[in-house]
Amino acid sequence: MLNNRLALNLLIRLFLALYVAFYSFSLPSYQRALVILFTTLYLSLSILNYMSPGKLGRLGRFVDLTLIPSVVLSQSSGMAFVLLPLVVYYANRDLLLCFIFLWSSIAIHTYHTGSHGLLMLPVFFGVFLASVIPDINYTLRKERYYVKKLRSSYSSLSKDLARLEVNAVEKSNMDFLFEAIQEQTLEGYLTKIKEKFEVSKIAIVQKSGPPQKESLINREETSLYVPIAFHNGWGYVVFYFPNPFMLNDRVLLSTLEKSAKLINLYVEGFDEGSKKDAVKLAV
């Protein structure tokens, strides 16, 4: 990869040096000699930097600056455009050198053309911006990827946190239920459930017919019907809520269903011959 980059550097410098050298043949002999001298120096340093990378040390970074004297000595406004390939080349590599070549080309062109040369400023800056855009696009695309990844990670963490919070609430509720069943009476147990979960009323209703298995939500009565099978018969444990929004709390409903199942620890069922669909107990 390094050799390919150095070869590309040398090829670009070779093309620029050849153009300046060919252009110098139209200049007077003394001026041509100076241009050829600086161009030869530029090309020699470029070859040395290619053959022995790092031998020039930090000076290797400024090899292309030796082309500027050749462009200046050519005394042509058109030669300012020779520096534009270097503007493009260094735009995404070294902004300091990029701006040196950009403003040098602007200064040389304006010096030879006067105020009319300012009309070319949009072209010079357009070349600079066009060369910078790919790097900007790459940076923005990379940032969008990281932002998207962060959003995905944040969403995943939020779900994990919500799940942990639900687990913590469920564990806390189960701990309370194990504590509540220490009550000696069913009324005391249901009263604790009522006060803990802020339900309006709890009732046990005896039912007839085949027992049901699924809990029912009655939004008109704002209540939850939990079927419970006893040794003698079955019925519903009905929880009445003070507001309908509590019916959307799945953790609360699940806990109340579990609390209803524990009623079996207190009673075996209903008396034979008792009236069906009647409230047997309410707190």
Foldseek 3Di string as FASTA:
>chain_A
DVLVVLVVQLVLLVVLLVVLLVLLVVPDPVLSVVLNVLSVQLNVLSVVCNVDPCPVPPCNVVSVVSNLVSLLSSLDLVSLCSLLVVLLVCLVPPVVVNVVSLVSSLVSNCVNPPPVSVVCVVVSVVSNVVSNVVVVVVVVVVVVVVVVVVVVVVVVVVVVVVVVVLVVVLVVLVVVLVVLVVDPAPVSSVVSVCVVLVFDKKWKFFADDDWDCDKDQDLVQQKIWAWEQAQEGITTIITHHPDNVVVVPPSSVVSVNVSVHCCNVHDRDDDPPDDHRDTPDMD
